[in-house]
Amino acid sequence: MLPLNQAQTGKQYKVENLKSLKSLSKRLAILGLSTGVFIELIALYKHGALVKTPFGNIALGSDLLDSILVSLV
């Protein structure tokens, strides 16, 4: 497992863990980003990232990238 900020663009990953507050996990689940979801990292910037989920694209701030642990599919 690795944090999302260390993932490579254009590859697919599975969200393994959201190591943060429960309220954040709930908010991300509403957006379609929860444990077990397959995502594709579209772009990674120093100020955030753009990920593709089965429910659409989501922009994430850099403060969240360390909290999302993924594994390569």
Protein backbone atom coordinates (compact mmCIF):
# COMPACT_ATOMS: atom_id res chain seq x y z
CA MET A 1 0.00 0.00 0.00
CA LEU A 2 1.07 3.53 -0.67
CA PRO A 3 -0.38 7.00 -0.13
CA LEU A 4 -2.19 8.46 -3.12
CA ASN A 5 0.39 11.24 -3.39
CA GLN A 6 3.02 8.59 -4.32
CA ALA A 7 0.87 6.92 -6.99
CA GLN A 8 1.56 7.25 -10.72
CA THR A 9 -0.82 8.95 -13.12
CA GLY A 10 -2.63 6.81 -15.68
CA LYS A 11 -2.66 3.70 -13.47
CA GLN A 12 -5.58 2.06 -11.72
CA TYR A 13 -5.63 1.60 -7.96
CA LYS A 14 -7.88 0.17 -5.30
CA VAL A 15 -8.59 2.30 -2.25
CA GLU A 16 -7.44 0.21 0.72
CA ASN A 17 -7.77 2.58 3.65
CA LEU A 18 -8.83 6.10 4.52
CA LYS A 19 -6.62 6.87 7.51
CA SER A 20 -8.34 9.96 8.76
CA LEU A 21 -11.29 11.13 10.78
CA LYS A 22 -14.57 9.29 10.35
CA SER A 23 -16.32 12.47 9.25
CA LEU A 24 -13.84 12.80 6.37
CA SER A 25 -14.41 9.18 5.39
CA LYS A 26 -18.14 9.81 5.29
CA ARG A 27 -17.72 12.89 3.11
CA LEU A 28 -15.46 11.01 0.69
CA ALA A 29 -17.92 8.10 0.55
CA ILE A 30 -20.64 10.52 -0.53
CA LEU A 31 -18.34 11.57 -3.39
CA GLY A 32 -17.82 7.92 -4.36
CA LEU A 33 -14.40 7.43 -2.82
CA SER A 34 -14.47 4.77 -0.12
CA THR A 35 -12.56 1.64 0.84
CA GLY A 36 -12.68 -1.00 -1.89
CA VAL A 37 -13.41 1.41 -4.76
CA PHE A 38 -11.26 1.20 -7.89
CA ILE A 39 -9.92 4.55 -9.07
CA GLU A 40 -7.64 5.89 -11.78
CA LEU A 41 -5.22 8.69 -11.01
CA ILE A 42 -5.70 11.16 -13.85
CA ALA A 43 -3.42 13.95 -12.66
CA LEU A 44 -1.22 14.62 -9.65
CA TYR A 45 -0.23 18.17 -8.77
CA LYS A 46 1.60 19.68 -5.80
CA HIS A 47 -1.71 21.27 -4.75
CA GLY A 48 -3.91 18.17 -5.24
CA ALA A 49 -5.02 15.42 -7.58
CA LEU A 50 -7.75 14.46 -10.01
CA VAL A 51 -9.07 10.91 -9.72
CA LYS A 52 -11.59 9.01 -11.80
CA THR A 53 -14.09 6.89 -9.87
CA PRO A 54 -17.01 4.79 -11.10
CA PHE A 55 -19.20 7.75 -10.14
CA GLY A 56 -17.23 10.47 -11.95
CA ASN A 57 -14.09 12.55 -11.54
CA ILE A 58 -13.14 14.00 -8.16
CA ALA A 59 -10.63 16.74 -7.39
CA LEU A 60 -8.83 16.24 -4.08
CA GLY A 61 -6.73 18.74 -2.17
CA SER A 62 -3.14 18.00 -1.18
CA ASP A 63 -4.19 17.71 2.46
CA LEU A 64 -6.14 14.51 1.64
CA LEU A 65 -3.56 12.72 -0.48
CA ASP A 66 -1.56 11.40 2.49
CA SER A 67 -4.72 10.03 4.11
CA ILE A 68 -5.81 7.84 1.19
CA LEU A 69 -3.93 4.54 0.96
CA VAL A 70 -4.14 2.64 -2.34
CA SER A 71 -2.75 -0.51 -3.94
CA LEU A 72 -1.96 -1.07 -7.59
CA VAL A 73 -4.52 -3.17 -9.47
